[in-house]
Amino acid sequence: MRVLKVLAVVLFVGVLVVIGAAYFMSEPRPEGREAPEADELARKMEQAVRKDAWDRTGAVRWSFFDEHHYVWDRKRDLVEVRWGETRVLLRTGDKTGRVWGEDGEVTGGDAESALQTAYKFWVNDSFWLNPVVKFFDPGVKREIVTEEDGETGLLVTYTSGGVTPGDAYLWNADENGLPVRWRMWVSIIPVGGVSMTWEGWTELSTGALIATEHEGAGKMITFITNVEGAQDLEALGGSPGLFDPLFQG
């Protein structure tokens, strides 16, 4: 019993240390102002990552941390998500689809759980794939921020949609509008203002630019691997009937 009490105290103290560290390390979210300059900077960043080319990219294949693997038919709002022994064909609009595991197709509650998991993976991982092109989505607030060093930043807040509404990101770009870093105030990270760079830019066959690497806390991490894009699923290659099971009884 005494050992359990000691462990409980140690755990409690550990939690307090983590909370205290998060408190002192956190940066307050900056105050921005809605102004035409915010939209101008957002448009400049869109042009830098070639949003027009992204809009022509009808199909994308990529892996996220080499653990979640995707084939995304953007024209039909369909995505294949694979992780471990699980394969999901998902309609991103209504979160329905079909699920397969190691022993064949999965149905019932297990399938529903896998569909929800696949949707959450896709929302997060496709956001990291190309967040700049979402600046003008419904529910997105854009504000200009003048930082202490005089640098101008774009504060982007997602007031609705996704799976974590309320998340905010302060973007910095180079003179051409290409993103160089962001700082995050997001629900999944207890420390506010965590900074990560945007590097490792890769050009898809359509001309769109995708950042594959991010440096944070002095460590460079590759988030996006095996990324390819094309005008449509056929041009991307692979199985032409990949999503046929979604339209079969």
Protein backbone atom coordinates (compact mmCIF):
# COMPACT_ATOMS: atom_id res chain seq x y z
CA MET A 1 0.00 0.00 0.00
CA ARG A 2 2.84 2.37 0.91
CA VAL A 3 4.47 1.69 -2.47
CA LEU A 4 1.24 2.60 -4.25
CA LYS A 5 1.01 5.85 -2.30
CA VAL A 6 4.60 6.72 -3.18
CA LEU A 7 3.94 5.97 -6.86
CA ALA A 8 0.81 8.12 -6.74
CA VAL A 9 2.78 11.02 -5.27
CA VAL A 10 5.54 10.63 -7.86
CA LEU A 11 2.96 10.57 -10.67
CA PHE A 12 1.21 13.63 -9.26
CA VAL A 13 4.49 15.54 -8.98
CA GLY A 14 5.40 14.48 -12.52
CA VAL A 15 2.12 15.84 -13.84
CA LEU A 16 2.71 19.12 -12.01
CA VAL A 17 6.20 19.37 -13.51
CA VAL A 18 4.85 18.82 -17.02
CA ILE A 19 2.08 21.38 -16.49
CA GLY A 20 4.55 23.85 -15.03
CA ALA A 21 7.00 23.38 -17.89
CA ALA A 22 4.22 23.84 -20.43
CA TYR A 23 3.09 27.02 -18.66
CA PHE A 24 6.55 28.62 -18.68
CA MET A 25 7.46 27.44 -22.19
CA SER A 26 4.19 28.52 -23.79
CA GLU A 27 4.02 31.68 -25.81
CA PRO A 28 0.75 33.62 -25.71
CA ARG A 29 -1.20 33.61 -28.91
CA PRO A 30 -0.57 36.93 -30.68
CA GLU A 31 -3.24 39.49 -31.34
CA GLY A 32 -3.90 40.03 -35.00
CA ARG A 33 -6.12 42.34 -36.99
CA GLU A 34 -8.31 41.59 -39.94
CA ALA A 35 -7.15 43.77 -42.80
CA PRO A 36 -6.72 43.69 -46.57
CA GLU A 37 -2.99 43.06 -45.98
CA ALA A 38 -3.84 39.69 -44.43
CA ASP A 39 -5.66 38.51 -47.52
CA GLU A 40 -2.92 39.93 -49.74
CA LEU A 41 -0.26 37.95 -47.87
CA ALA A 42 -2.43 34.83 -47.95
CA ARG A 43 -2.86 35.16 -51.74
CA LYS A 44 0.88 35.71 -52.17
CA MET A 45 1.59 32.50 -50.25
CA GLU A 46 -0.98 30.63 -52.34
CA GLN A 47 0.78 31.78 -55.49
CA ALA A 48 4.17 30.76 -54.08
CA VAL A 49 3.05 27.16 -53.52
CA ARG A 50 1.27 27.27 -56.90
CA LYS A 51 -2.29 26.80 -55.77
CA ASP A 52 -3.49 27.00 -59.36
CA ALA A 53 -1.42 23.88 -60.10
CA TRP A 54 -2.77 22.21 -56.95
CA ASP A 55 -6.30 22.89 -58.14
CA ARG A 56 -5.42 20.95 -61.31
CA THR A 57 -4.02 18.08 -59.26
CA GLY A 58 -6.87 15.59 -59.32
CA ALA A 59 -5.07 12.71 -57.61
CA VAL A 60 -2.30 12.47 -55.00
CA ARG A 61 -0.34 9.59 -53.51
CA TRP A 62 1.79 10.03 -50.38
CA SER A 63 2.83 8.57 -47.05
CA PHE A 64 2.78 10.33 -43.69
CA PHE A 65 5.71 9.37 -41.44
CA ASP A 66 5.88 6.18 -43.54
CA GLU A 67 2.99 4.85 -41.42
CA HIS A 68 -0.20 6.15 -43.05
CA HIS A 69 -0.37 5.60 -46.80
CA TYR A 70 -2.79 7.42 -49.09
CA VAL A 71 -4.20 7.48 -52.59
CA TRP A 72 -6.53 10.48 -52.83
CA ASP A 73 -8.95 10.94 -55.71
CA ARG A 74 -9.64 14.64 -55.20
CA LYS A 75 -12.07 14.82 -58.10
CA ARG A 76 -14.46 12.35 -56.47
CA ASP A 77 -13.64 13.02 -52.79
CA LEU A 78 -12.45 9.45 -52.29
CA VAL A 79 -9.35 8.26 -50.48
CA GLU A 80 -7.65 4.96 -49.79
CA VAL A 81 -6.03 4.90 -46.33
CA ARG A 82 -3.69 2.09 -45.27
CA TRP A 83 -1.97 1.55 -41.95
CA GLY A 84 -0.71 -1.67 -40.44
CA GLU A 85 -2.98 -4.48 -41.65
CA THR A 86 -5.93 -2.12 -42.19
CA ARG A 87 -7.12 -0.82 -45.55
CA VAL A 88 -9.98 1.66 -45.84
CA LEU A 89 -11.76 3.07 -48.87
CA LEU A 90 -13.37 6.27 -47.60
CA ARG A 91 -15.84 8.78 -48.96
CA THR A 92 -14.51 11.94 -47.34
CA GLY A 93 -17.79 13.79 -47.70
CA ASP A 94 -19.94 11.56 -45.49
CA LYS A 95 -17.25 9.39 -43.83
CA THR A 96 -18.73 6.16 -45.19
CA GLY A 97 -16.81 3.43 -46.93
CA ARG A 98 -15.48 -0.10 -46.65
CA VAL A 99 -12.80 -1.65 -44.47
CA TRP A 100 -10.50 -4.65 -44.84
CA GLY A 101 -8.19 -6.25 -42.31
CA GLU A 102 -5.76 -9.13 -42.22
CA ASP A 103 -8.60 -11.67 -42.45
CA GLY A 104 -10.76 -9.96 -45.06
CA GLU A 105 -13.52 -7.37 -45.03
CA VAL A 106 -14.49 -5.88 -41.68
CA THR A 107 -18.10 -4.99 -40.88
CA GLY A 108 -20.20 -3.69 -38.01
CA GLY A 109 -18.80 -1.66 -35.15
CA ASP A 110 -15.20 -2.49 -35.97
CA ALA A 111 -15.66 -1.14 -39.48
CA GLU A 112 -17.30 2.04 -38.18
CA SER A 113 -14.42 2.58 -35.77
CA ALA A 114 -11.87 2.08 -38.55
CA LEU A 115 -13.74 4.54 -40.80
CA GLN A 116 -13.66 7.18 -38.06
CA THR A 117 -9.96 6.56 -37.49
CA ALA A 118 -9.22 6.77 -41.21
CA TYR A 119 -11.11 10.05 -41.46
CA LYS A 120 -9.14 11.58 -38.57
CA PHE A 121 -5.88 10.39 -40.10
CA TRP A 122 -6.83 11.84 -43.48
CA VAL A 123 -7.92 15.23 -42.06
CA ASN A 124 -4.65 15.65 -40.18
CA ASP A 125 -2.29 14.20 -42.77
CA SER A 126 -3.83 15.95 -45.78
CA PHE A 127 -3.66 19.22 -43.84
CA TRP A 128 0.10 18.80 -43.37
CA LEU A 129 0.33 17.93 -47.07
CA ASN A 130 -0.79 21.39 -48.21
CA PRO A 131 -2.34 23.71 -45.60
CA VAL A 132 -1.70 26.92 -47.54
CA VAL A 133 -4.40 26.07 -50.07
CA LYS A 134 -6.96 26.05 -47.23
CA PHE A 135 -6.49 29.71 -46.26
CA PHE A 136 -9.78 30.74 -47.83
CA ASP A 137 -11.88 27.74 -46.82
CA PRO A 138 -15.18 28.45 -45.00
CA GLY A 139 -14.63 29.17 -41.31
CA VAL A 140 -11.02 30.34 -41.73
CA LYS A 141 -10.05 33.68 -40.17
CA ARG A 142 -7.02 35.55 -41.53
CA GLU A 143 -5.28 38.31 -39.56
CA ILE A 144 -2.09 40.28 -39.99
CA VAL A 145 0.41 40.30 -37.11
CA THR A 146 3.35 42.65 -36.62
CA GLU A 147 5.86 40.78 -34.49
CA GLU A 148 8.32 42.23 -31.96
CA ASP A 149 11.19 42.04 -34.44
CA GLY A 150 9.13 43.92 -37.01
CA GLU A 151 8.44 40.87 -39.16
CA THR A 152 4.96 40.52 -40.61
CA GLY A 153 3.11 37.28 -40.01
CA LEU A 154 -0.20 35.79 -41.11
CA LEU A 155 -2.33 34.44 -38.27
CA VAL A 156 -4.70 31.78 -39.58
CA THR A 157 -7.43 30.49 -37.26
CA TYR A 158 -9.75 27.60 -38.11
CA THR A 159 -12.97 28.56 -36.36
CA SER A 160 -14.90 25.54 -37.63
CA GLY A 161 -14.49 22.32 -39.56
CA GLY A 162 -11.87 19.60 -39.30
CA VAL A 163 -11.55 17.67 -36.06
CA THR A 164 -9.92 20.41 -33.92
CA PRO A 165 -11.71 23.73 -34.52
CA GLY A 166 -10.07 26.70 -32.82
CA ASP A 167 -6.52 25.79 -33.83
CA ALA A 168 -4.38 28.74 -34.94
CA TYR A 169 -1.11 29.09 -36.86
CA LEU A 170 1.17 32.10 -37.28
CA TRP A 171 2.88 31.87 -40.66
CA ASN A 172 6.07 33.56 -41.84
CA ALA A 173 7.06 33.62 -45.50
CA ASP A 174 10.09 34.70 -47.52
CA GLU A 175 10.11 37.68 -49.88
CA ASN A 176 8.45 35.55 -52.57
CA GLY A 177 5.67 34.36 -50.30
CA LEU A 178 7.01 30.83 -49.85
CA PRO A 179 6.32 29.63 -46.29
CA VAL A 180 9.43 29.30 -44.12
CA ARG A 181 7.90 28.47 -40.74
CA TRP A 182 4.79 28.48 -38.60
CA ARG A 183 4.05 28.63 -34.90
CA MET A 184 1.16 26.62 -33.57
CA TRP A 185 -1.55 27.13 -30.96
CA VAL A 186 -3.39 23.84 -31.25
CA SER A 187 -5.43 21.69 -28.90
CA ILE A 188 -3.27 18.59 -29.34
CA ILE A 189 -0.09 20.37 -28.10
CA PRO A 190 -0.15 21.78 -24.53
CA VAL A 191 2.66 24.27 -25.29
CA GLY A 192 1.57 27.30 -27.29
CA GLY A 193 3.77 28.79 -29.98
CA VAL A 194 5.69 25.66 -30.96
CA SER A 195 7.71 26.56 -34.06
CA MET A 196 8.42 24.39 -37.09
CA THR A 197 10.04 25.21 -40.40
CA TRP A 198 8.68 24.41 -43.86
CA GLU A 199 11.41 22.88 -46.02
CA GLY A 200 12.17 20.08 -48.44
CA TRP A 201 9.97 21.51 -51.17
CA THR A 202 9.02 18.97 -53.83
CA GLU A 203 7.40 19.80 -57.16
CA LEU A 204 4.61 17.49 -58.32
CA SER A 205 4.19 16.66 -61.99
CA THR A 206 1.33 19.17 -62.07
CA GLY A 207 3.64 21.94 -60.83
CA ALA A 208 2.26 22.19 -57.28
CA LEU A 209 4.83 22.55 -54.47
CA ILE A 210 4.71 20.36 -51.35
CA ALA A 211 6.92 20.78 -48.25
CA THR A 212 8.12 17.39 -47.04
CA GLU A 213 10.41 18.31 -44.12
CA HIS A 214 10.01 20.33 -40.93
CA GLU A 215 12.56 21.29 -38.31
CA GLY A 216 11.43 21.69 -34.72
CA ALA A 217 13.44 21.82 -31.48
CA GLY A 218 16.62 21.55 -33.54
CA LYS A 219 15.65 18.31 -35.26
CA MET A 220 14.77 17.90 -38.93
CA ILE A 221 11.92 15.47 -39.51
CA THR A 222 10.57 14.11 -42.78
CA PHE A 223 6.77 14.12 -42.58
CA ILE A 224 5.83 13.46 -46.22
CA THR A 225 7.39 10.68 -48.30
CA ASN A 226 6.70 9.08 -51.69
CA VAL A 227 4.56 12.03 -52.75
CA GLU A 228 3.24 12.07 -56.31
CA GLY A 229 0.52 14.04 -58.02
CA ALA A 230 -1.27 13.93 -61.36
CA GLN A 231 -4.24 15.41 -63.16
CA ASP A 232 -6.37 12.37 -62.40
CA LEU A 233 -6.25 8.89 -60.92
CA GLU A 234 -5.47 7.24 -64.24
CA ALA A 235 -2.48 9.51 -64.83
CA LEU A 236 -1.26 8.82 -61.29
CA GLY A 237 -0.97 5.12 -62.13
CA GLY A 238 -1.74 2.14 -59.97
CA SER A 239 -4.94 0.14 -59.90
CA PRO A 240 -7.55 1.68 -62.24
CA GLY A 241 -10.40 0.08 -60.29
CA LEU A 242 -9.10 1.08 -56.86
CA PHE A 243 -12.37 2.60 -55.69
CA ASP A 244 -14.77 0.27 -57.54
CA PRO A 245 -15.75 -1.58 -54.32
CA LEU A 246 -17.42 1.61 -53.08
CA PHE A 247 -19.89 1.41 -55.95
CA GLN A 248 -20.61 -2.29 -55.73
CA GLY A 249 -23.48 -3.75 -53.76
